[in-house]
Amino acid sequence: METIEQTHFRIQQILDANKIVLFMKGTPQFPMCGFSARAVAILQECGAKFHSVDVIQDPQIRDGIKSFGNWPTIPQLYVDKTLVGGSDIMMEMFEAGELQPML
């Protein structure tokens, strides 16, 4: 069992290696919750190429991502190593035209 510091280090490595990262339940092809499905749909509508992390497959990441960005829910979108938010915030930003330029 790894420590929370080790988990945060792994999360940071993922963020360092990818411009756009979606921590989600399931995969883009098979989202395991409606919020993750909506987040994927928004990113696909924007034409964004993104890296996804299935938190169901990694319980340490599932718990660690919540404390890493101080955000209690999943999915979580990171762009340029910065937390954007969950699917509700993504939808608001998409509808306002604020998300597309970030991606």
PDB file of N, CA and C in Angstrom:
ATOM      1  N   MET A   1       0.849  -1.187   0.000  1.00  0.00           N
ATOM      2  CA  MET A   1       0.000   0.000   0.000  1.00  0.00           C
ATOM      3  C   MET A   1       0.889   1.243   0.000  1.00  0.00           C
ATOM      4  N   GLU A   2       0.645   2.119  -0.954  1.00  0.00           N
ATOM      5  CA  GLU A   2       1.472   3.322  -1.023  1.00  0.00           C
ATOM      6  C   GLU A   2       0.899   4.427  -0.139  1.00  0.00           C
ATOM      7  N   THR A   3       1.763   5.364   0.228  1.00  0.00           N
ATOM      8  CA  THR A   3       1.337   6.506   1.030  1.00  0.00           C
ATOM      9  C   THR A   3       0.615   7.517   0.144  1.00  0.00           C
ATOM     10  N   ILE A   4      -0.090   8.456   0.760  1.00  0.00           N
ATOM     11  CA  ILE A   4      -0.773   9.500   0.000  1.00  0.00           C
ATOM     12  C   ILE A   4       0.243  10.351  -0.759  1.00  0.00           C
ATOM     13  N   GLU A   5       1.415  10.535  -0.187  1.00  0.00           N
ATOM     14  CA  GLU A   5       2.467  11.300  -0.876  1.00  0.00           C
ATOM     15  C   GLU A   5       2.901  10.587  -2.147  1.00  0.00           C
ATOM     16  N   GLN A   6       3.020   9.255  -2.074  1.00  0.00           N
ATOM     17  CA  GLN A   6       3.396   8.479  -3.256  1.00  0.00           C
ATOM     18  C   GLN A   6       2.305   8.550  -4.319  1.00  0.00           C
ATOM     19  N   THR A   7       1.060   8.491  -3.878  1.00  0.00           N
ATOM     20  CA  THR A   7      -0.063   8.607  -4.824  1.00  0.00           C
ATOM     21  C   THR A   7      -0.064   9.982  -5.474  1.00  0.00           C
ATOM     22  N   HIS A   8       0.132  11.029  -4.684  1.00  0.00           N
ATOM     23  CA  HIS A   8       0.177  12.384  -5.237  1.00  0.00           C
ATOM     24  C   HIS A   8       1.336  12.524  -6.224  1.00  0.00           C
ATOM     25  N   PHE A   9       2.453  11.883  -5.940  1.00  0.00           N
ATOM     26  CA  PHE A   9       3.589  11.906  -6.859  1.00  0.00           C
ATOM     27  C   PHE A   9       3.213  11.239  -8.184  1.00  0.00           C
ATOM     28  N   ARG A  10       2.518  10.106  -8.124  1.00  0.00           N
ATOM     29  CA  ARG A  10       2.075   9.432  -9.364  1.00  0.00           C
ATOM     30  C   ARG A  10       1.109  10.321 -10.148  1.00  0.00           C
ATOM     31  N   ILE A  11       0.190  10.983  -9.436  1.00  0.00           N
ATOM     32  CA  ILE A  11      -0.751  11.889 -10.104  1.00  0.00           C
ATOM     33  C   ILE A  11       0.017  13.017 -10.778  1.00  0.00           C
ATOM     34  N   GLN A  12       0.984  13.591 -10.096  1.00  0.00           N
ATOM     35  CA  GLN A  12       1.786  14.674 -10.669  1.00  0.00           C
ATOM     36  C   GLN A  12       2.525  14.199 -11.916  1.00  0.00           C
ATOM     37  N   GLN A  13       3.034  12.975 -11.903  1.00  0.00           N
ATOM     38  CA  GLN A  13       3.713  12.429 -13.077  1.00  0.00           C
ATOM     39  C   GLN A  13       2.759  12.325 -14.268  1.00  0.00           C
ATOM     40  N   ILE A  14       1.522  11.904 -14.013  1.00  0.00           N
ATOM     41  CA  ILE A  14       0.516  11.823 -15.079  1.00  0.00           C
ATOM     42  C   ILE A  14       0.246  13.214 -15.640  1.00  0.00           C
ATOM     43  N   LEU A  15       0.095  14.202 -14.760  1.00  0.00           N
ATOM     44  CA  LEU A  15      -0.184  15.575 -15.195  1.00  0.00           C
ATOM     45  C   LEU A  15       1.005  16.169 -15.943  1.00  0.00           C
ATOM     46  N   ASP A  16       2.227  15.832 -15.506  1.00  0.00           N
ATOM     47  CA  ASP A  16       3.426  16.337 -16.179  1.00  0.00           C
ATOM     48  C   ASP A  16       3.547  15.781 -17.599  1.00  0.00           C
ATOM     49  N   ALA A  17       3.036  14.578 -17.816  1.00  0.00           N
ATOM     50  CA  ALA A  17       3.214  13.891 -19.094  1.00  0.00           C
ATOM     51  C   ALA A  17       2.105  14.183 -20.108  1.00  0.00           C
ATOM     52  N   ASN A  18       1.008  14.821 -19.671  1.00  0.00           N
ATOM     53  CA  ASN A  18      -0.162  15.008 -20.537  1.00  0.00           C
ATOM     54  C   ASN A  18      -0.752  16.399 -20.349  1.00  0.00           C
ATOM     55  N   LYS A  19      -1.054  17.076 -21.462  1.00  0.00           N
ATOM     56  CA  LYS A  19      -1.638  18.424 -21.398  1.00  0.00           C
ATOM     57  C   LYS A  19      -3.051  18.401 -20.814  1.00  0.00           C
ATOM     58  N   ILE A  20      -3.861  17.426 -21.247  1.00  0.00           N
ATOM     59  CA  ILE A  20      -5.255  17.344 -20.809  1.00  0.00           C
ATOM     60  C   ILE A  20      -5.469  15.958 -20.201  1.00  0.00           C
ATOM     61  N   VAL A  21      -5.906  15.930 -18.946  1.00  0.00           N
ATOM     62  CA  VAL A  21      -6.130  14.663 -18.250  1.00  0.00           C
ATOM     63  C   VAL A  21      -7.527  14.673 -17.627  1.00  0.00           C
ATOM     64  N   LEU A  22      -8.265  13.592 -17.884  1.00  0.00           N
ATOM     65  CA  LEU A  22      -9.567  13.417 -17.256  1.00  0.00           C
ATOM     66  C   LEU A  22      -9.496  12.209 -16.337  1.00  0.00           C
ATOM     67  N   PHE A  23      -9.618  12.468 -15.033  1.00  0.00           N
ATOM     68  CA  PHE A  23      -9.738  11.399 -14.051  1.00  0.00           C
ATOM     69  C   PHE A  23     -11.223  11.069 -13.996  1.00  0.00           C
ATOM     70  N   MET A  24     -11.566   9.826 -14.340  1.00  0.00           N
ATOM     71  CA  MET A  24     -12.970   9.479 -14.536  1.00  0.00           C
ATOM     72  C   MET A  24     -13.252   8.063 -14.040  1.00  0.00           C
ATOM     73  N   LYS A  25     -14.530   7.740 -13.960  1.00  0.00           N
ATOM     74  CA  LYS A  25     -14.950   6.378 -13.658  1.00  0.00           C
ATOM     75  C   LYS A  25     -15.200   5.674 -14.985  1.00  0.00           C
ATOM     76  N   GLY A  26     -14.379   4.647 -15.253  1.00  0.00           N
ATOM     77  CA  GLY A  26     -14.475   3.940 -16.522  1.00  0.00           C
ATOM     78  C   GLY A  26     -13.494   4.507 -17.531  1.00  0.00           C
ATOM     79  N   THR A  27     -13.783   4.243 -18.797  1.00  0.00           N
ATOM     80  CA  THR A  27     -12.937   4.706 -19.891  1.00  0.00           C
ATOM     81  C   THR A  27     -13.775   5.564 -20.837  1.00  0.00           C
ATOM     82  N   PRO A  28     -13.131   6.326 -21.731  1.00  0.00           N
ATOM     83  CA  PRO A  28     -13.920   7.106 -22.688  1.00  0.00           C
ATOM     84  C   PRO A  28     -14.873   6.232 -23.517  1.00  0.00           C
ATOM     85  N   GLN A  29     -14.448   5.000 -23.817  1.00  0.00           N
ATOM     86  CA  GLN A  29     -15.297   4.093 -24.588  1.00  0.00           C
ATOM     87  C   GLN A  29     -16.433   3.513 -23.740  1.00  0.00           C
ATOM     88  N   PHE A  30     -16.164   3.317 -22.430  1.00  0.00           N
ATOM     89  CA  PHE A  30     -17.154   2.738 -21.525  1.00  0.00           C
ATOM     90  C   PHE A  30     -17.179   3.486 -20.192  1.00  0.00           C
ATOM     91  N   PRO A  31     -17.736   4.703 -20.184  1.00  0.00           N
ATOM     92  CA  PRO A  31     -17.833   5.439 -18.924  1.00  0.00           C
ATOM     93  C   PRO A  31     -18.742   4.684 -17.952  1.00  0.00           C
ATOM     94  N   MET A  32     -18.377   4.728 -16.664  1.00  0.00           N
ATOM     95  CA  MET A  32     -19.111   3.966 -15.652  1.00  0.00           C
ATOM     96  C   MET A  32     -20.052   4.840 -14.817  1.00  0.00           C
ATOM     97  N   CYS A  33     -20.196   6.113 -15.191  1.00  0.00           N
ATOM     98  CA  CYS A  33     -21.197   6.954 -14.539  1.00  0.00           C
ATOM     99  C   CYS A  33     -21.599   8.063 -15.511  1.00  0.00           C
ATOM    100  N   GLY A  34     -22.752   8.626 -15.268  1.00  0.00           N
ATOM    101  CA  GLY A  34     -23.273   9.658 -16.163  1.00  0.00           C
ATOM    102  C   GLY A  34     -22.421  10.911 -16.197  1.00  0.00           C
ATOM    103  N   PHE A  35     -21.830  11.277 -15.060  1.00  0.00           N
ATOM    104  CA  PHE A  35     -20.996  12.474 -15.028  1.00  0.00           C
ATOM    105  C   PHE A  35     -19.730  12.282 -15.849  1.00  0.00           C
ATOM    106  N   SER A  36     -19.139  11.089 -15.762  1.00  0.00           N
ATOM    107  CA  SER A  36     -17.952  10.802 -16.571  1.00  0.00           C
ATOM    108  C   SER A  36     -18.312  10.769 -18.049  1.00  0.00           C
ATOM    109  N   ALA A  37     -19.472  10.195 -18.368  1.00  0.00           N
ATOM    110  CA  ALA A  37     -19.925  10.155 -19.764  1.00  0.00           C
ATOM    111  C   ALA A  37     -20.102  11.570 -20.312  1.00  0.00           C
ATOM    112  N   ARG A  38     -20.674  12.445 -19.504  1.00  0.00           N
ATOM    113  CA  ARG A  38     -20.886  13.828 -19.943  1.00  0.00           C
ATOM    114  C   ARG A  38     -19.545  14.537 -20.140  1.00  0.00           C
ATOM    115  N   ALA A  39     -18.586  14.312 -19.237  1.00  0.00           N
ATOM    116  CA  ALA A  39     -17.269  14.939 -19.363  1.00  0.00           C
ATOM    117  C   ALA A  39     -16.583  14.498 -20.649  1.00  0.00           C
ATOM    118  N   VAL A  40     -16.645  13.205 -20.946  1.00  0.00           N
ATOM    119  CA  VAL A  40     -16.045  12.676 -22.179  1.00  0.00           C
ATOM    120  C   VAL A  40     -16.729  13.301 -23.396  1.00  0.00           C
ATOM    121  N   ALA A  41     -18.053  13.367 -23.378  1.00  0.00           N
ATOM    122  CA  ALA A  41     -18.800  13.931 -24.505  1.00  0.00           C
ATOM    123  C   ALA A  41     -18.410  15.389 -24.755  1.00  0.00           C
ATOM    124  N   ILE A  42     -18.231  16.146 -23.697  1.00  0.00           N
ATOM    125  CA  ILE A  42     -17.833  17.556 -23.837  1.00  0.00           C
ATOM    126  C   ILE A  42     -16.453  17.651 -24.475  1.00  0.00           C
ATOM    127  N   LEU A  43     -15.503  16.853 -23.973  1.00  0.00           N
ATOM    128  CA  LEU A  43     -14.149  16.884 -24.536  1.00  0.00           C
ATOM    129  C   LEU A  43     -14.154  16.448 -25.992  1.00  0.00           C
ATOM    130  N   GLN A  44     -14.927  15.424 -26.321  1.00  0.00           N
ATOM    131  CA  GLN A  44     -15.004  14.961 -27.708  1.00  0.00           C
ATOM    132  C   GLN A  44     -15.650  16.009 -28.604  1.00  0.00           C
ATOM    133  N   GLU A  45     -16.668  16.684 -28.099  1.00  0.00           N
ATOM    134  CA  GLU A  45     -17.320  17.752 -28.866  1.00  0.00           C
ATOM    135  C   GLU A  45     -16.344  18.878 -29.165  1.00  0.00           C
ATOM    136  N   CYS A  46     -15.419  19.122 -28.251  1.00  0.00           N
ATOM    137  CA  CYS A  46     -14.401  20.155 -28.437  1.00  0.00           C
ATOM    138  C   CYS A  46     -13.257  19.667 -29.335  1.00  0.00           C
ATOM    139  N   GLY A  47     -13.253  18.383 -29.653  1.00  0.00           N
ATOM    140  CA  GLY A  47     -12.175  17.830 -30.464  1.00  0.00           C
ATOM    141  C   GLY A  47     -10.863  17.693 -29.704  1.00  0.00           C
ATOM    142  N   ALA A  48     -10.944  17.634 -28.382  1.00  0.00           N
ATOM    143  CA  ALA A  48      -9.735  17.586 -27.552  1.00  0.00           C
ATOM    144  C   ALA A  48      -9.150  16.178 -27.525  1.00  0.00           C
ATOM    145  N   LYS A  49      -7.843  16.112 -27.652  1.00  0.00           N
ATOM    146  CA  LYS A  49      -7.130  14.859 -27.418  1.00  0.00           C
ATOM    147  C   LYS A  49      -6.741  14.873 -25.949  1.00  0.00           C
ATOM    148  N   PHE A  50      -7.174  13.841 -25.218  1.00  0.00           N
ATOM    149  CA  PHE A  50      -6.950  13.842 -23.773  1.00  0.00           C
ATOM    150  C   PHE A  50      -6.543  12.461 -23.288  1.00  0.00           C
ATOM    151  N   HIS A  51      -5.871  12.468 -22.157  1.00  0.00           N
ATOM    152  CA  HIS A  51      -5.488  11.242 -21.475  1.00  0.00           C
ATOM    153  C   HIS A  51      -6.521  10.994 -20.387  1.00  0.00           C
ATOM    154  N   SER A  52      -6.993   9.764 -20.283  1.00  0.00           N
ATOM    155  CA  SER A  52      -7.956   9.454 -19.229  1.00  0.00           C
ATOM    156  C   SER A  52      -7.344   8.477 -18.233  1.00  0.00           C
ATOM    157  N   VAL A  53      -7.786   8.597 -16.993  1.00  0.00           N
ATOM    158  CA  VAL A  53      -7.362   7.704 -15.924  1.00  0.00           C
ATOM    159  C   VAL A  53      -8.627   7.121 -15.304  1.00  0.00           C
ATOM    160  N   ASP A  54      -8.752   5.790 -15.367  1.00  0.00           N
ATOM    161  CA  ASP A  54      -9.905   5.095 -14.804  1.00  0.00           C
ATOM    162  C   ASP A  54      -9.666   4.886 -13.317  1.00  0.00           C
ATOM    163  N   VAL A  55     -10.326   5.684 -12.492  1.00  0.00           N
ATOM    164  CA  VAL A  55     -10.100   5.606 -11.045  1.00  0.00           C
ATOM    165  C   VAL A  55     -10.682   4.334 -10.431  1.00  0.00           C
ATOM    166  N   ILE A  56     -11.586   3.688 -11.132  1.00  0.00           N
ATOM    167  CA  ILE A  56     -12.139   2.432 -10.623  1.00  0.00           C
ATOM    168  C   ILE A  56     -11.057   1.351 -10.605  1.00  0.00           C
ATOM    169  N   GLN A  57     -10.141   1.413 -11.558  1.00  0.00           N
ATOM    170  CA  GLN A  57      -9.066   0.422 -11.648  1.00  0.00           C
ATOM    171  C   GLN A  57      -7.935   0.687 -10.659  1.00  0.00           C
ATOM    172  N   ASP A  58      -7.915   1.879 -10.045  1.00  0.00           N
ATOM    173  CA  ASP A  58      -6.817   2.245  -9.153  1.00  0.00           C
ATOM    174  C   ASP A  58      -7.370   2.966  -7.920  1.00  0.00           C
ATOM    175  N   PRO A  59      -7.692   2.207  -6.859  1.00  0.00           N
ATOM    176  CA  PRO A  59      -8.296   2.821  -5.661  1.00  0.00           C
ATOM    177  C   PRO A  59      -7.418   3.900  -5.024  1.00  0.00           C
ATOM    178  N   GLN A  60      -6.087   3.777  -5.120  1.00  0.00           N
ATOM    179  CA  GLN A  60      -5.212   4.809  -4.555  1.00  0.00           C
ATOM    180  C   GLN A  60      -5.414   6.134  -5.300  1.00  0.00           C
ATOM    181  N   ILE A  61      -5.465   6.057  -6.624  1.00  0.00           N
ATOM    182  CA  ILE A  61      -5.705   7.274  -7.421  1.00  0.00           C
ATOM    183  C   ILE A  61      -7.109   7.806  -7.135  1.00  0.00           C
ATOM    184  N   ARG A  62      -8.071   6.913  -7.013  1.00  0.00           N
ATOM    185  CA  ARG A  62      -9.460   7.341  -6.762  1.00  0.00           C
ATOM    186  C   ARG A  62      -9.552   8.178  -5.497  1.00  0.00           C
ATOM    187  N   ASP A  63      -8.874   7.745  -4.426  1.00  0.00           N
ATOM    188  CA  ASP A  63      -8.874   8.515  -3.185  1.00  0.00           C
ATOM    189  C   ASP A  63      -7.923   9.700  -3.265  1.00  0.00           C
ATOM    190  N   GLY A  64      -6.751   9.475  -3.847  1.00  0.00           N
ATOM    191  CA  GLY A  64      -5.708  10.496  -3.871  1.00  0.00           C
ATOM    192  C   GLY A  64      -6.043  11.714  -4.701  1.00  0.00           C
ATOM    193  N   ILE A  65      -6.784  11.529  -5.794  1.00  0.00           N
ATOM    194  CA  ILE A  65      -7.091  12.666  -6.670  1.00  0.00           C
ATOM    195  C   ILE A  65      -8.000  13.662  -5.949  1.00  0.00           C
ATOM    196  N   LYS A  66      -8.821  13.163  -5.042  1.00  0.00           N
ATOM    197  CA  LYS A  66      -9.725  14.056  -4.299  1.00  0.00           C
ATOM    198  C   LYS A  66      -8.945  15.003  -3.394  1.00  0.00           C
ATOM    199  N   SER A  67      -7.898  14.488  -2.747  1.00  0.00           N
ATOM    200  CA  SER A  67      -7.094  15.355  -1.880  1.00  0.00           C
ATOM    201  C   SER A  67      -6.061  16.146  -2.681  1.00  0.00           C
ATOM    202  N   PHE A  68      -5.610  15.592  -3.811  1.00  0.00           N
ATOM    203  CA  PHE A  68      -4.599  16.263  -4.631  1.00  0.00           C
ATOM    204  C   PHE A  68      -5.075  17.653  -5.057  1.00  0.00           C
ATOM    205  N   GLY A  69      -6.279  17.728  -5.587  1.00  0.00           N
ATOM    206  CA  GLY A  69      -6.818  18.998  -6.067  1.00  0.00           C
ATOM    207  C   GLY A  69      -7.843  19.613  -5.131  1.00  0.00           C
ATOM    208  N   ASN A  70      -8.030  18.990  -3.956  1.00  0.00           N
ATOM    209  CA  ASN A  70      -9.024  19.459  -3.001  1.00  0.00           C
ATOM    210  C   ASN A  70     -10.399  19.578  -3.660  1.00  0.00           C
ATOM    211  N   TRP A  71     -10.752  18.537  -4.415  1.00  0.00           N
ATOM    212  CA  TRP A  71     -12.033  18.489  -5.126  1.00  0.00           C
ATOM    213  C   TRP A  71     -12.666  17.142  -4.796  1.00  0.00           C
ATOM    214  N   PRO A  72     -13.886  17.118  -4.242  1.00  0.00           N
ATOM    215  CA  PRO A  72     -14.417  15.882  -3.660  1.00  0.00           C
ATOM    216  C   PRO A  72     -15.010  14.870  -4.635  1.00  0.00           C
ATOM    217  N   THR A  73     -15.262  15.272  -5.867  1.00  0.00           N
ATOM    218  CA  THR A  73     -15.986  14.377  -6.774  1.00  0.00           C
ATOM    219  C   THR A  73     -15.155  14.013  -7.998  1.00  0.00           C
ATOM    220  N   ILE A  74     -15.608  12.969  -8.672  1.00  0.00           N
ATOM    221  CA  ILE A  74     -15.005  12.494  -9.917  1.00  0.00           C
ATOM    222  C   ILE A  74     -16.132  12.465 -10.930  1.00  0.00           C
ATOM    223  N   PRO A  75     -15.923  12.919 -12.150  1.00  0.00           N
ATOM    224  CA  PRO A  75     -14.649  13.175 -12.830  1.00  0.00           C
ATOM    225  C   PRO A  75     -14.009  14.510 -12.444  1.00  0.00           C
ATOM    226  N   GLN A  76     -12.715  14.581 -12.770  1.00  0.00           N
ATOM    227  CA  GLN A  76     -11.951  15.814 -12.605  1.00  0.00           C
ATOM    228  C   GLN A  76     -11.137  16.037 -13.870  1.00  0.00           C
ATOM    229  N   LEU A  77     -11.233  17.250 -14.410  1.00  0.00           N
ATOM    230  CA  LEU A  77     -10.480  17.611 -15.605  1.00  0.00           C
ATOM    231  C   LEU A  77      -9.317  18.522 -15.215  1.00  0.00           C
ATOM    232  N   TYR A  78      -8.143  18.155 -15.699  1.00  0.00           N
ATOM    233  CA  TYR A  78      -6.946  18.980 -15.534  1.00  0.00           C
ATOM    234  C   TYR A  78      -6.471  19.405 -16.914  1.00  0.00           C
ATOM    235  N   VAL A  79      -6.145  20.683 -17.053  1.00  0.00           N
ATOM    236  CA  VAL A  79      -5.552  21.216 -18.283  1.00  0.00           C
ATOM    237  C   VAL A  79      -4.290  21.963 -17.884  1.00  0.00           C
ATOM    238  N   ASP A  80      -3.180  21.617 -18.512  1.00  0.00           N
ATOM    239  CA  ASP A  80      -1.877  22.214 -18.174  1.00  0.00           C
ATOM    240  C   ASP A  80      -1.605  22.136 -16.678  1.00  0.00           C
ATOM    241  N   LYS A  81      -1.862  20.970 -16.098  1.00  0.00           N
ATOM    242  CA  LYS A  81      -1.580  20.662 -14.686  1.00  0.00           C
ATOM    243  C   LYS A  81      -2.466  21.420 -13.704  1.00  0.00           C
ATOM    244  N   THR A  82      -3.511  22.082 -14.200  1.00  0.00           N
ATOM    245  CA  THR A  82      -4.395  22.877 -13.354  1.00  0.00           C
ATOM    246  C   THR A  82      -5.787  22.263 -13.349  1.00  0.00           C
ATOM    247  N   LEU A  83      -6.362  22.118 -12.154  1.00  0.00           N
ATOM    248  CA  LEU A  83      -7.714  21.587 -12.045  1.00  0.00           C
ATOM    249  C   LEU A  83      -8.711  22.577 -12.647  1.00  0.00           C
ATOM    250  N   VAL A  84      -9.499  22.090 -13.599  1.00  0.00           N
ATOM    251  CA  VAL A  84     -10.576  22.893 -14.179  1.00  0.00           C
ATOM    252  C   VAL A  84     -11.847  22.664 -13.367  1.00  0.00           C
ATOM    253  N   GLY A  85     -12.155  21.397 -13.091  1.00  0.00           N
ATOM    254  CA  GLY A  85     -13.330  21.065 -12.297  1.00  0.00           C
ATOM    255  C   GLY A  85     -13.965  19.777 -12.767  1.00  0.00           C
ATOM    256  N   GLY A  86     -15.203  19.569 -12.311  1.00  0.00           N
ATOM    257  CA  GLY A  86     -15.953  18.375 -12.672  1.00  0.00           C
ATOM    258  C   GLY A  86     -16.858  18.618 -13.864  1.00  0.00           C
ATOM    259  N   SER A  87     -17.768  17.687 -14.098  1.00  0.00           N
ATOM    260  CA  SER A  87     -18.587  17.761 -15.306  1.00  0.00           C
ATOM    261  C   SER A  87     -19.534  18.955 -15.317  1.00  0.00           C
ATOM    262  N   ASP A  88     -20.037  19.375 -14.145  1.00  0.00           N
ATOM    263  CA  ASP A  88     -20.928  20.540 -14.114  1.00  0.00           C
ATOM    264  C   ASP A  88     -20.188  21.813 -14.538  1.00  0.00           C
ATOM    265  N   ILE A  89     -19.003  21.991 -13.997  1.00  0.00           N
ATOM    266  CA  ILE A  89     -18.202  23.164 -14.361  1.00  0.00           C
ATOM    267  C   ILE A  89     -17.784  23.087 -15.825  1.00  0.00           C
ATOM    268  N   MET A  90     -17.421  21.876 -16.279  1.00  0.00           N
ATOM    269  CA  MET A  90     -17.064  21.701 -17.688  1.00  0.00           C
ATOM    270  C   MET A  90     -18.232  22.115 -18.586  1.00  0.00           C
ATOM    271  N   MET A  91     -19.447  21.701 -18.227  1.00  0.00           N
ATOM    272  CA  MET A  91     -20.626  22.033 -19.039  1.00  0.00           C
ATOM    273  C   MET A  91     -20.875  23.537 -19.039  1.00  0.00           C
ATOM    274  N   GLU A  92     -20.767  24.180 -17.878  1.00  0.00           N
ATOM    275  CA  GLU A  92     -20.964  25.629 -17.817  1.00  0.00           C
ATOM    276  C   GLU A  92     -19.937  26.358 -18.675  1.00  0.00           C
ATOM    277  N   MET A  93     -18.678  25.927 -18.571  1.00  0.00           N
ATOM    278  CA  MET A  93     -17.619  26.573 -19.347  1.00  0.00           C
ATOM    279  C   MET A  93     -17.789  26.312 -20.838  1.00  0.00           C
ATOM    280  N   PHE A  94     -18.202  25.094 -21.193  1.00  0.00           N
ATOM    281  CA  PHE A  94     -18.438  24.751 -22.598  1.00  0.00           C
ATOM    282  C   PHE A  94     -19.549  25.611 -23.178  1.00  0.00           C
ATOM    283  N   GLU A  95     -20.663  25.705 -22.449  1.00  0.00           N
ATOM    284  CA  GLU A  95     -21.799  26.490 -22.933  1.00  0.00           C
ATOM    285  C   GLU A  95     -21.460  27.972 -23.038  1.00  0.00           C
ATOM    286  N   ALA A  96     -20.573  28.457 -22.187  1.00  0.00           N
ATOM    287  CA  ALA A  96     -20.169  29.874 -22.219  1.00  0.00           C
ATOM    288  C   ALA A  96     -19.045  30.116 -23.231  1.00  0.00           C
ATOM    289  N   GLY A  97     -18.544  29.036 -23.842  1.00  0.00           N
ATOM    290  CA  GLY A  97     -17.455  29.186 -24.808  1.00  0.00           C
ATOM    291  C   GLY A  97     -16.093  29.394 -24.164  1.00  0.00           C
ATOM    292  N   GLU A  98     -15.986  29.099 -22.863  1.00  0.00           N
ATOM    293  CA  GLU A  98     -14.712  29.328 -22.143  1.00  0.00           C
ATOM    294  C   GLU A  98     -13.796  28.104 -22.172  1.00  0.00           C
ATOM    295  N   LEU A  99     -14.377  26.920 -22.349  1.00  0.00           N
ATOM    296  CA  LEU A  99     -13.592  25.694 -22.289  1.00  0.00           C
ATOM    297  C   LEU A  99     -12.801  25.458 -23.576  1.00  0.00           C
ATOM    298  N   GLN A 100     -13.427  25.719 -24.716  1.00  0.00           N
ATOM    299  CA  GLN A 100     -12.816  25.394 -26.004  1.00  0.00           C
ATOM    300  C   GLN A 100     -11.436  26.026 -26.185  1.00  0.00           C
ATOM    301  N   PRO A 101     -11.235  27.316 -25.863  1.00  0.00           N
ATOM    302  CA  PRO A 101      -9.900  27.910 -26.063  1.00  0.00           C
ATOM    303  C   PRO A 101      -8.830  27.271 -25.166  1.00  0.00           C
ATOM    304  N   MET A 102      -9.228  26.747 -23.997  1.00  0.00           N
ATOM    305  CA  MET A 102      -8.259  26.130 -23.082  1.00  0.00           C
ATOM    306  C   MET A 102      -7.713  24.831 -23.672  1.00  0.00           C
ATOM    307  N   LEU A 103      -8.538  24.168 -24.469  1.00  0.00           N
ATOM    308  CA  LEU A 103      -8.188  22.844 -24.960  1.00  0.00           C
ATOM    309  C   LEU A 103      -7.398  22.935 -26.259  1.00  0.00           C
TER     310      LEU A 103
END
